[in-house]
Amino acid sequence: MQRPAPRLRFHRRQGVTLPGERYPGRAVRDPLNAPSQVLRDAEISLSWRVGLAAAALHHQDRSLVELELGLFGVFDGVGAFARSGEAAQVAAEVIGTVCRVGDRPPGEALVAGCEQAETLIRERALGATTAAVVWVAGPVLWYVSVGDSRLYHQPAQAASLTQVTTDEGEGNILFNALGEGPDRFDSPVVAQHGAISLGAGDKLVLVTDGVTGDFRPDLLTAGELTSAIQTDDPQSAAERLLEIARKRDDRSALVIFIDRDEPDGRSWEP
């Protein structure tokens, strides 16, 4: 007979903007659209409001929140390894450090951060961790994903969330994670990375599988996830995602609401 799981406790992470506050982004030209689709030489500046909620059961989840950069991520240490929580922490710290240096374009920096985290996790024999990380740069969202933590996107005019990333695993078995190294049979550390256009009114969700589940009846549908974030408060949305989760596991949810700001003349140059 299995012992009952400890009661999950919710907590808010320090450093996250309070509900209703906006954090200004930087104005940049949109590299994903041709000049005919946007005003020539126009600069687009977006701001974001962020909510983060986490519930610890095994203490293997970690998160990354760099408000000034617009850099956000969730990490889930692989349960088969005793030090996987440390692996998740290393991944969050290394990726944040690499991106803060600012010597690479966002997409390249995210991939490089994952590669460096992979090396360090293996050197320290910490096990493995998933990673789902995004970088908001003007009207563009750059992302990387390793494992089965997920990124969802709901454009302003869309009726529901769309899963951007693909699970690299099946059920509770992972086919890829930071720290696996040669076990990938020469496949790249980061197979999933890319960029999507953002606009005012868009919503982003980053979650570990403690929220989305692995098997029925724990699996949450896109409809359930979408309903949970139908509010103007990203913190309430993040907490609601944890409340509706059914899997007994660490749970982490990052919710980002995108708003439009007036251009301030600053720009990010690749």
C-alpha atoms as a PDB file:
ATOM      1  CA  MET A   1       0.000   0.000   0.000  1.00  0.00           C
ATOM      2  CA  GLN A   2       1.411   3.346  -0.988  1.00  0.00           C
ATOM      3  CA  ARG A   3       1.839   6.045   1.605  1.00  0.00           C
ATOM      4  CA  PRO A   4      -0.259   9.159   0.949  1.00  0.00           C
ATOM      5  CA  ALA A   5       1.714  11.920  -0.724  1.00  0.00           C
ATOM      6  CA  PRO A   6       2.562  14.991   1.382  1.00  0.00           C
ATOM      7  CA  ARG A   7       0.180  17.878   1.005  1.00  0.00           C
ATOM      8  CA  LEU A   8       1.351  20.311  -1.644  1.00  0.00           C
ATOM      9  CA  ARG A   9       2.135  23.804  -0.408  1.00  0.00           C
ATOM     10  CA  PHE A  10       1.902  26.812  -2.698  1.00  0.00           C
ATOM     11  CA  HIS A  11       4.419  29.591  -2.576  1.00  0.00           C
ATOM     12  CA  ARG A  12       5.284  32.699  -4.572  1.00  0.00           C
ATOM     13  CA  ARG A  13       8.824  33.286  -5.687  1.00  0.00           C
ATOM     14  CA  GLN A  14      10.486  36.576  -4.806  1.00  0.00           C
ATOM     15  CA  GLY A  15      11.457  38.874  -7.643  1.00  0.00           C
ATOM     16  CA  VAL A  16       8.341  38.375  -9.754  1.00  0.00           C
ATOM     17  CA  THR A  17       6.264  41.429 -10.616  1.00  0.00           C
ATOM     18  CA  LEU A  18       3.130  41.764  -8.567  1.00  0.00           C
ATOM     19  CA  PRO A  19      -0.218  41.228 -10.329  1.00  0.00           C
ATOM     20  CA  GLY A  20      -1.155  44.243 -12.408  1.00  0.00           C
ATOM     21  CA  GLU A  21       2.386  45.601 -12.762  1.00  0.00           C
ATOM     22  CA  ARG A  22       4.034  45.828 -16.151  1.00  0.00           C
ATOM     23  CA  TYR A  23       7.689  45.361 -16.901  1.00  0.00           C
ATOM     24  CA  PRO A  24       8.836  47.250 -20.018  1.00  0.00           C
ATOM     25  CA  GLY A  25      10.623  45.444 -22.787  1.00  0.00           C
ATOM     26  CA  ARG A  26      13.020  46.816 -25.384  1.00  0.00           C
ATOM     27  CA  ALA A  27      11.999  48.169 -28.779  1.00  0.00           C
ATOM     28  CA  VAL A  28      13.378  46.062 -31.630  1.00  0.00           C
ATOM     29  CA  ARG A  29      12.693  45.566 -35.315  1.00  0.00           C
ATOM     30  CA  ASP A  30      10.691  42.461 -36.057  1.00  0.00           C
ATOM     31  CA  PRO A  31      13.054  39.940 -37.742  1.00  0.00           C
ATOM     32  CA  LEU A  32      10.331  37.367 -38.387  1.00  0.00           C
ATOM     33  CA  ASN A  33       8.188  39.462 -40.733  1.00  0.00           C
ATOM     34  CA  ALA A  34       8.981  40.950 -44.111  1.00  0.00           C
ATOM     35  CA  PRO A  35       8.938  44.776 -44.411  1.00  0.00           C
ATOM     36  CA  SER A  36       5.629  44.584 -46.248  1.00  0.00           C
ATOM     37  CA  GLN A  37       4.021  43.094 -43.148  1.00  0.00           C
ATOM     38  CA  VAL A  38       5.177  45.760 -40.729  1.00  0.00           C
ATOM     39  CA  LEU A  39       5.884  49.454 -41.038  1.00  0.00           C
ATOM     40  CA  ARG A  40       9.333  49.983 -42.517  1.00  0.00           C
ATOM     41  CA  ASP A  41      11.887  50.918 -39.872  1.00  0.00           C
ATOM     42  CA  ALA A  42       9.159  50.814 -37.241  1.00  0.00           C
ATOM     43  CA  GLU A  43      10.145  49.619 -33.811  1.00  0.00           C
ATOM     44  CA  ILE A  44       7.812  47.570 -31.683  1.00  0.00           C
ATOM     45  CA  SER A  45       8.043  47.588 -27.890  1.00  0.00           C
ATOM     46  CA  LEU A  46       6.185  45.114 -25.705  1.00  0.00           C
ATOM     47  CA  SER A  47       5.896  44.840 -21.946  1.00  0.00           C
ATOM     48  CA  TRP A  48       5.028  41.824 -19.865  1.00  0.00           C
ATOM     49  CA  ARG A  49       3.304  40.893 -16.629  1.00  0.00           C
ATOM     50  CA  VAL A  50       4.438  37.688 -14.977  1.00  0.00           C
ATOM     51  CA  GLY A  51       2.977  35.177 -12.557  1.00  0.00           C
ATOM     52  CA  LEU A  52       4.927  32.295 -11.024  1.00  0.00           C
ATOM     53  CA  ALA A  53       3.545  29.557  -8.777  1.00  0.00           C
ATOM     54  CA  ALA A  54       5.248  26.406  -7.537  1.00  0.00           C
ATOM     55  CA  ALA A  55       4.395  23.508  -5.251  1.00  0.00           C
ATOM     56  CA  ALA A  56       7.227  21.308  -3.973  1.00  0.00           C
ATOM     57  CA  LEU A  57       6.764  17.593  -3.356  1.00  0.00           C
ATOM     58  CA  HIS A  58      10.173  16.130  -4.306  1.00  0.00           C
ATOM     59  CA  HIS A  59      11.989  19.497  -4.556  1.00  0.00           C
ATOM     60  CA  GLN A  60      13.216  18.790  -8.083  1.00  0.00           C
ATOM     61  CA  ASP A  61      11.630  21.723  -9.967  1.00  0.00           C
ATOM     62  CA  ARG A  62      13.367  25.049 -10.509  1.00  0.00           C
ATOM     63  CA  SER A  63      12.481  28.236 -12.384  1.00  0.00           C
ATOM     64  CA  LEU A  64      14.290  31.081 -14.119  1.00  0.00           C
ATOM     65  CA  VAL A  65      12.916  34.634 -13.969  1.00  0.00           C
ATOM     66  CA  GLU A  66      15.037  37.456 -15.421  1.00  0.00           C
ATOM     67  CA  LEU A  67      12.559  40.324 -15.666  1.00  0.00           C
ATOM     68  CA  GLU A  68      15.008  42.859 -17.047  1.00  0.00           C
ATOM     69  CA  LEU A  69      15.951  40.546 -19.914  1.00  0.00           C
ATOM     70  CA  GLY A  70      12.522  39.021 -20.483  1.00  0.00           C
ATOM     71  CA  LEU A  71      14.065  35.594 -19.879  1.00  0.00           C
ATOM     72  CA  PHE A  72      11.925  32.873 -18.290  1.00  0.00           C
ATOM     73  CA  GLY A  73      12.121  29.116 -17.837  1.00  0.00           C
ATOM     74  CA  VAL A  74      11.008  26.035 -15.924  1.00  0.00           C
ATOM     75  CA  PHE A  75      13.132  22.981 -15.154  1.00  0.00           C
ATOM     76  CA  ASP A  76      12.201  19.555 -13.822  1.00  0.00           C
ATOM     77  CA  GLY A  77      14.936  17.332 -12.407  1.00  0.00           C
ATOM     78  CA  VAL A  78      14.578  13.717 -13.559  1.00  0.00           C
ATOM     79  CA  GLY A  79      13.255  11.647 -10.672  1.00  0.00           C
ATOM     80  CA  ALA A  80      15.537   8.662 -11.244  1.00  0.00           C
ATOM     81  CA  PHE A  81      18.530  10.675 -10.008  1.00  0.00           C
ATOM     82  CA  ALA A  82      19.034  11.635  -6.359  1.00  0.00           C
ATOM     83  CA  ARG A  83      20.617  15.018  -7.202  1.00  0.00           C
ATOM     84  CA  SER A  84      18.315  16.000 -10.040  1.00  0.00           C
ATOM     85  CA  GLY A  85      17.095  19.072  -8.176  1.00  0.00           C
ATOM     86  CA  GLU A  86      20.680  20.308  -8.277  1.00  0.00           C
ATOM     87  CA  ALA A  87      20.800  19.563 -11.996  1.00  0.00           C
ATOM     88  CA  ALA A  88      17.728  21.735 -12.515  1.00  0.00           C
ATOM     89  CA  GLN A  89      19.292  24.531 -10.450  1.00  0.00           C
ATOM     90  CA  VAL A  90      22.540  24.382 -12.444  1.00  0.00           C
ATOM     91  CA  ALA A  91      20.617  24.544 -15.731  1.00  0.00           C
ATOM     92  CA  ALA A  92      18.669  27.618 -14.608  1.00  0.00           C
ATOM     93  CA  GLU A  93      21.809  29.396 -13.400  1.00  0.00           C
ATOM     94  CA  VAL A  94      23.994  28.586 -16.405  1.00  0.00           C
ATOM     95  CA  ILE A  95      21.395  29.514 -19.017  1.00  0.00           C
ATOM     96  CA  GLY A  96      20.696  32.763 -17.206  1.00  0.00           C
ATOM     97  CA  THR A  97      24.402  33.589 -17.047  1.00  0.00           C
ATOM     98  CA  VAL A  98      25.027  32.877 -20.720  1.00  0.00           C
ATOM     99  CA  CYS A  99      22.080  35.012 -21.798  1.00  0.00           C
ATOM    100  CA  ARG A 100      23.048  37.921 -19.544  1.00  0.00           C
ATOM    101  CA  VAL A 101      26.457  38.199 -21.201  1.00  0.00           C
ATOM    102  CA  GLY A 102      24.755  39.545 -24.326  1.00  0.00           C
ATOM    103  CA  ASP A 103      27.389  38.495 -26.865  1.00  0.00           C
ATOM    104  CA  ARG A 104      25.035  36.284 -28.899  1.00  0.00           C
ATOM    105  CA  PRO A 105      21.612  36.693 -30.490  1.00  0.00           C
ATOM    106  CA  PRO A 106      18.842  35.299 -28.243  1.00  0.00           C
ATOM    107  CA  GLY A 107      18.332  32.025 -30.102  1.00  0.00           C
ATOM    108  CA  GLU A 108      22.037  31.198 -30.132  1.00  0.00           C
ATOM    109  CA  ALA A 109      22.458  32.180 -26.489  1.00  0.00           C
ATOM    110  CA  LEU A 110      19.644  29.876 -25.372  1.00  0.00           C
ATOM    111  CA  VAL A 111      21.128  26.891 -27.200  1.00  0.00           C
ATOM    112  CA  ALA A 112      24.637  27.677 -25.927  1.00  0.00           C
ATOM    113  CA  GLY A 113      23.323  27.945 -22.386  1.00  0.00           C
ATOM    114  CA  CYS A 114      21.732  24.510 -22.622  1.00  0.00           C
ATOM    115  CA  GLU A 115      24.926  23.016 -24.041  1.00  0.00           C
ATOM    116  CA  GLN A 116      27.037  24.487 -21.252  1.00  0.00           C
ATOM    117  CA  ALA A 117      24.542  23.328 -18.634  1.00  0.00           C
ATOM    118  CA  GLU A 118      24.655  19.830 -20.106  1.00  0.00           C
ATOM    119  CA  THR A 119      28.437  19.720 -19.747  1.00  0.00           C
ATOM    120  CA  LEU A 120      28.440  20.980 -16.169  1.00  0.00           C
ATOM    121  CA  ILE A 121      25.666  18.637 -15.046  1.00  0.00           C
ATOM    122  CA  ARG A 122      27.606  15.668 -16.412  1.00  0.00           C
ATOM    123  CA  GLU A 123      30.899  16.801 -14.893  1.00  0.00           C
ATOM    124  CA  ARG A 124      29.251  17.029 -11.467  1.00  0.00           C
ATOM    125  CA  ALA A 125      27.287  13.771 -11.922  1.00  0.00           C
ATOM    126  CA  LEU A 126      24.031  15.474 -10.958  1.00  0.00           C
ATOM    127  CA  GLY A 127      21.722  13.370 -13.121  1.00  0.00           C
ATOM    128  CA  ALA A 128      19.478  15.142 -15.614  1.00  0.00           C
ATOM    129  CA  THR A 129      16.793  17.800 -15.980  1.00  0.00           C
ATOM    130  CA  THR A 130      14.273  19.093 -18.468  1.00  0.00           C
ATOM    131  CA  ALA A 131      14.320  22.707 -19.645  1.00  0.00           C
ATOM    132  CA  ALA A 132      11.715  24.921 -21.291  1.00  0.00           C
ATOM    133  CA  VAL A 133      13.072  28.460 -21.661  1.00  0.00           C
ATOM    134  CA  VAL A 134      11.863  31.568 -23.510  1.00  0.00           C
ATOM    135  CA  TRP A 135      13.356  34.973 -24.214  1.00  0.00           C
ATOM    136  CA  VAL A 136      11.013  37.836 -25.098  1.00  0.00           C
ATOM    137  CA  ALA A 137      12.865  40.218 -27.429  1.00  0.00           C
ATOM    138  CA  GLY A 138      10.503  42.863 -28.758  1.00  0.00           C
ATOM    139  CA  PRO A 139       7.833  41.228 -30.925  1.00  0.00           C
ATOM    140  CA  VAL A 140       9.688  37.898 -31.011  1.00  0.00           C
ATOM    141  CA  LEU A 141       9.689  34.962 -28.616  1.00  0.00           C
ATOM    142  CA  TRP A 142      12.797  32.789 -28.823  1.00  0.00           C
ATOM    143  CA  TYR A 143      12.557  29.394 -27.165  1.00  0.00           C
ATOM    144  CA  VAL A 144      14.379  26.147 -26.424  1.00  0.00           C
ATOM    145  CA  SER A 145      12.993  22.899 -25.048  1.00  0.00           C
ATOM    146  CA  VAL A 146      14.683  19.754 -23.762  1.00  0.00           C
ATOM    147  CA  GLY A 147      12.534  16.983 -22.303  1.00  0.00           C
ATOM    148  CA  ASP A 148       8.810  17.215 -21.544  1.00  0.00           C
ATOM    149  CA  SER A 149       8.327  20.555 -19.792  1.00  0.00           C
ATOM    150  CA  ARG A 150       6.091  22.577 -22.079  1.00  0.00           C
ATOM    151  CA  LEU A 151       5.592  25.971 -23.691  1.00  0.00           C
ATOM    152  CA  TYR A 152       2.090  27.075 -24.680  1.00  0.00           C
ATOM    153  CA  HIS A 153       1.108  30.200 -26.625  1.00  0.00           C
ATOM    154  CA  GLN A 154      -2.269  31.866 -27.034  1.00  0.00           C
ATOM    155  CA  PRO A 155      -2.296  34.731 -29.571  1.00  0.00           C
ATOM    156  CA  ALA A 156      -4.615  37.596 -28.709  1.00  0.00           C
ATOM    157  CA  GLN A 157      -7.236  36.584 -31.271  1.00  0.00           C
ATOM    158  CA  ALA A 158      -7.042  32.831 -30.617  1.00  0.00           C
ATOM    159  CA  ALA A 159      -9.646  30.939 -28.634  1.00  0.00           C
ATOM    160  CA  SER A 160      -7.253  28.585 -26.880  1.00  0.00           C
ATOM    161  CA  LEU A 161      -3.661  27.789 -26.015  1.00  0.00           C
ATOM    162  CA  THR A 162      -1.482  25.964 -28.545  1.00  0.00           C
ATOM    163  CA  GLN A 163       1.376  23.721 -27.452  1.00  0.00           C
ATOM    164  CA  VAL A 164       4.532  25.065 -29.102  1.00  0.00           C
ATOM    165  CA  THR A 165       6.976  22.403 -27.936  1.00  0.00           C
ATOM    166  CA  THR A 166       6.807  18.639 -28.372  1.00  0.00           C
ATOM    167  CA  ASP A 167       7.330  16.222 -25.488  1.00  0.00           C
ATOM    168  CA  GLU A 168      10.615  14.361 -25.871  1.00  0.00           C
ATOM    169  CA  GLY A 169       9.345  11.295 -24.115  1.00  0.00           C
ATOM    170  CA  GLU A 170       6.307   9.112 -23.569  1.00  0.00           C
ATOM    171  CA  GLY A 171       4.410   8.958 -20.318  1.00  0.00           C
ATOM    172  CA  ASN A 172       6.972   9.248 -17.535  1.00  0.00           C
ATOM    173  CA  ILE A 173       9.865   8.046 -19.734  1.00  0.00           C
ATOM    174  CA  LEU A 174      12.114  10.756 -21.190  1.00  0.00           C
ATOM    175  CA  PHE A 175      14.055  10.363 -24.423  1.00  0.00           C
ATOM    176  CA  ASN A 176      16.080  13.522 -23.880  1.00  0.00           C
ATOM    177  CA  ALA A 177      17.195  15.675 -20.940  1.00  0.00           C
ATOM    178  CA  LEU A 178      20.096  17.957 -20.046  1.00  0.00           C
ATOM    179  CA  GLY A 179      22.766  15.709 -18.538  1.00  0.00           C
ATOM    180  CA  GLU A 180      22.186  12.662 -20.741  1.00  0.00           C
ATOM    181  CA  GLY A 181      25.144  13.402 -23.028  1.00  0.00           C
ATOM    182  CA  PRO A 182      26.255  10.504 -25.301  1.00  0.00           C
ATOM    183  CA  ASP A 183      23.101   8.526 -24.556  1.00  0.00           C
ATOM    184  CA  ARG A 184      21.459  10.518 -27.335  1.00  0.00           C
ATOM    185  CA  PHE A 185      23.366   8.586 -30.009  1.00  0.00           C
ATOM    186  CA  ASP A 186      24.896  11.705 -31.601  1.00  0.00           C
ATOM    187  CA  SER A 187      21.634  13.712 -31.553  1.00  0.00           C
ATOM    188  CA  PRO A 188      22.007  17.393 -30.534  1.00  0.00           C
ATOM    189  CA  VAL A 189      21.586  18.574 -26.969  1.00  0.00           C
ATOM    190  CA  VAL A 190      18.833  20.969 -28.061  1.00  0.00           C
ATOM    191  CA  ALA A 191      16.752  19.551 -30.880  1.00  0.00           C
ATOM    192  CA  GLN A 192      13.868  21.960 -30.292  1.00  0.00           C
ATOM    193  CA  HIS A 193      14.523  25.665 -30.647  1.00  0.00           C
ATOM    194  CA  GLY A 194      13.014  28.465 -32.678  1.00  0.00           C
ATOM    195  CA  ALA A 195      11.110  31.736 -32.657  1.00  0.00           C
ATOM    196  CA  ILE A 196       7.505  32.892 -32.972  1.00  0.00           C
ATOM    197  CA  SER A 197       5.991  36.344 -33.387  1.00  0.00           C
ATOM    198  CA  LEU A 198       4.367  38.017 -30.388  1.00  0.00           C
ATOM    199  CA  GLY A 199       1.739  40.719 -30.148  1.00  0.00           C
ATOM    200  CA  ALA A 200      -0.088  42.680 -27.495  1.00  0.00           C
ATOM    201  CA  GLY A 201      -2.675  40.512 -25.778  1.00  0.00           C
ATOM    202  CA  ASP A 202      -0.760  37.263 -26.261  1.00  0.00           C
ATOM    203  CA  LYS A 203      -0.424  34.830 -23.363  1.00  0.00           C
ATOM    204  CA  LEU A 204       2.445  32.414 -22.676  1.00  0.00           C
ATOM    205  CA  VAL A 205       2.496  29.435 -20.330  1.00  0.00           C
ATOM    206  CA  LEU A 206       5.544  27.431 -19.201  1.00  0.00           C
ATOM    207  CA  VAL A 207       4.832  24.330 -17.091  1.00  0.00           C
ATOM    208  CA  THR A 208       6.513  21.197 -15.820  1.00  0.00           C
ATOM    209  CA  ASP A 209       4.793  17.836 -16.194  1.00  0.00           C
ATOM    210  CA  GLY A 210       3.595  18.006 -12.613  1.00  0.00           C
ATOM    211  CA  VAL A 211       0.962  20.367 -14.017  1.00  0.00           C
ATOM    212  CA  THR A 212       0.137  18.690 -17.324  1.00  0.00           C
ATOM    213  CA  GLY A 213       0.421  15.064 -16.165  1.00  0.00           C
ATOM    214  CA  ASP A 214       1.806  11.908 -17.779  1.00  0.00           C
ATOM    215  CA  PHE A 215      -1.136   9.486 -17.910  1.00  0.00           C
ATOM    216  CA  ARG A 216      -4.903   9.603 -17.613  1.00  0.00           C
ATOM    217  CA  PRO A 217      -6.647  10.717 -15.457  1.00  0.00           C
ATOM    218  CA  ASP A 218      -3.826  13.143 -14.596  1.00  0.00           C
ATOM    219  CA  LEU A 219      -3.541  14.581 -18.104  1.00  0.00           C
ATOM    220  CA  LEU A 220      -4.880  18.110 -18.471  1.00  0.00           C
ATOM    221  CA  THR A 221      -6.500  19.093 -21.758  1.00  0.00           C
ATOM    222  CA  ALA A 222      -5.761  22.263 -23.705  1.00  0.00           C
ATOM    223  CA  GLY A 223      -9.258  23.406 -22.777  1.00  0.00           C
ATOM    224  CA  GLU A 224      -8.580  23.024 -19.051  1.00  0.00           C
ATOM    225  CA  LEU A 225      -5.302  24.914 -19.330  1.00  0.00           C
ATOM    226  CA  THR A 226      -6.929  27.683 -21.366  1.00  0.00           C
ATOM    227  CA  SER A 227      -9.785  28.089 -18.885  1.00  0.00           C
ATOM    228  CA  ALA A 228      -7.289  28.399 -16.031  1.00  0.00           C
ATOM    229  CA  ILE A 229      -5.639  31.478 -17.527  1.00  0.00           C
ATOM    230  CA  GLN A 230      -8.812  33.363 -18.463  1.00  0.00           C
ATOM    231  CA  THR A 231      -8.073  36.249 -16.133  1.00  0.00           C
ATOM    232  CA  ASP A 232      -6.250  39.562 -16.350  1.00  0.00           C
ATOM    233  CA  ASP A 233      -3.969  38.579 -13.482  1.00  0.00           C
ATOM    234  CA  PRO A 234      -1.032  36.312 -14.467  1.00  0.00           C
ATOM    235  CA  GLN A 235      -0.314  35.403 -10.833  1.00  0.00           C
ATOM    236  CA  SER A 236      -3.867  34.166 -10.339  1.00  0.00           C
ATOM    237  CA  ALA A 237      -3.557  32.226 -13.597  1.00  0.00           C
ATOM    238  CA  ALA A 238      -0.345  30.537 -12.460  1.00  0.00           C
ATOM    239  CA  GLU A 239      -1.856  29.563  -9.130  1.00  0.00           C
ATOM    240  CA  ARG A 240      -4.990  28.267 -10.812  1.00  0.00           C
ATOM    241  CA  LEU A 241      -2.878  25.985 -13.033  1.00  0.00           C
ATOM    242  CA  LEU A 242      -1.413  24.386  -9.910  1.00  0.00           C
ATOM    243  CA  GLU A 243      -4.833  24.023  -8.359  1.00  0.00           C
ATOM    244  CA  ILE A 244      -6.292  22.094 -11.293  1.00  0.00           C
ATOM    245  CA  ALA A 245      -3.249  19.802 -11.686  1.00  0.00           C
ATOM    246  CA  ARG A 246      -3.909  16.188 -10.770  1.00  0.00           C
ATOM    247  CA  LYS A 247      -0.472  14.544 -10.870  1.00  0.00           C
ATOM    248  CA  ARG A 248       1.283  13.990  -7.510  1.00  0.00           C
ATOM    249  CA  ASP A 249       4.577  15.680  -8.308  1.00  0.00           C
ATOM    250  CA  ASP A 250       6.423  18.964  -8.078  1.00  0.00           C
ATOM    251  CA  ARG A 251       4.414  21.590  -9.947  1.00  0.00           C
ATOM    252  CA  SER A 252       5.704  24.775 -11.569  1.00  0.00           C
ATOM    253  CA  ALA A 253       3.774  27.250 -13.714  1.00  0.00           C
ATOM    254  CA  LEU A 254       5.013  30.490 -15.270  1.00  0.00           C
ATOM    255  CA  VAL A 255       2.383  32.680 -16.937  1.00  0.00           C
ATOM    256  CA  ILE A 256       3.348  35.710 -19.035  1.00  0.00           C
ATOM    257  CA  PHE A 257       0.863  38.258 -20.372  1.00  0.00           C
ATOM    258  CA  ILE A 258       2.144  40.463 -23.201  1.00  0.00           C
ATOM    259  CA  ASP A 259       1.147  44.126 -23.505  1.00  0.00           C
ATOM    260  CA  ARG A 260       2.177  46.912 -25.884  1.00  0.00           C
ATOM    261  CA  ASP A 261       4.293  49.894 -24.835  1.00  0.00           C
ATOM    262  CA  GLU A 262       5.186  53.050 -26.707  1.00  0.00           C
ATOM    263  CA  PRO A 263       8.570  52.692 -28.438  1.00  0.00           C
ATOM    264  CA  ASP A 264      11.350  54.283 -26.402  1.00  0.00           C
ATOM    265  CA  GLY A 265      14.012  54.385 -29.072  1.00  0.00           C
ATOM    266  CA  ARG A 266      16.106  51.589 -27.610  1.00  0.00           C
ATOM    267  CA  SER A 267      16.802  48.553 -29.737  1.00  0.00           C
ATOM    268  CA  TRP A 268      18.449  45.164 -29.520  1.00  0.00           C
ATOM    269  CA  GLU A 269      21.019  44.601 -32.225  1.00  0.00           C
ATOM    270  CA  PRO A 270      22.069  41.027 -33.116  1.00  0.00           C
END
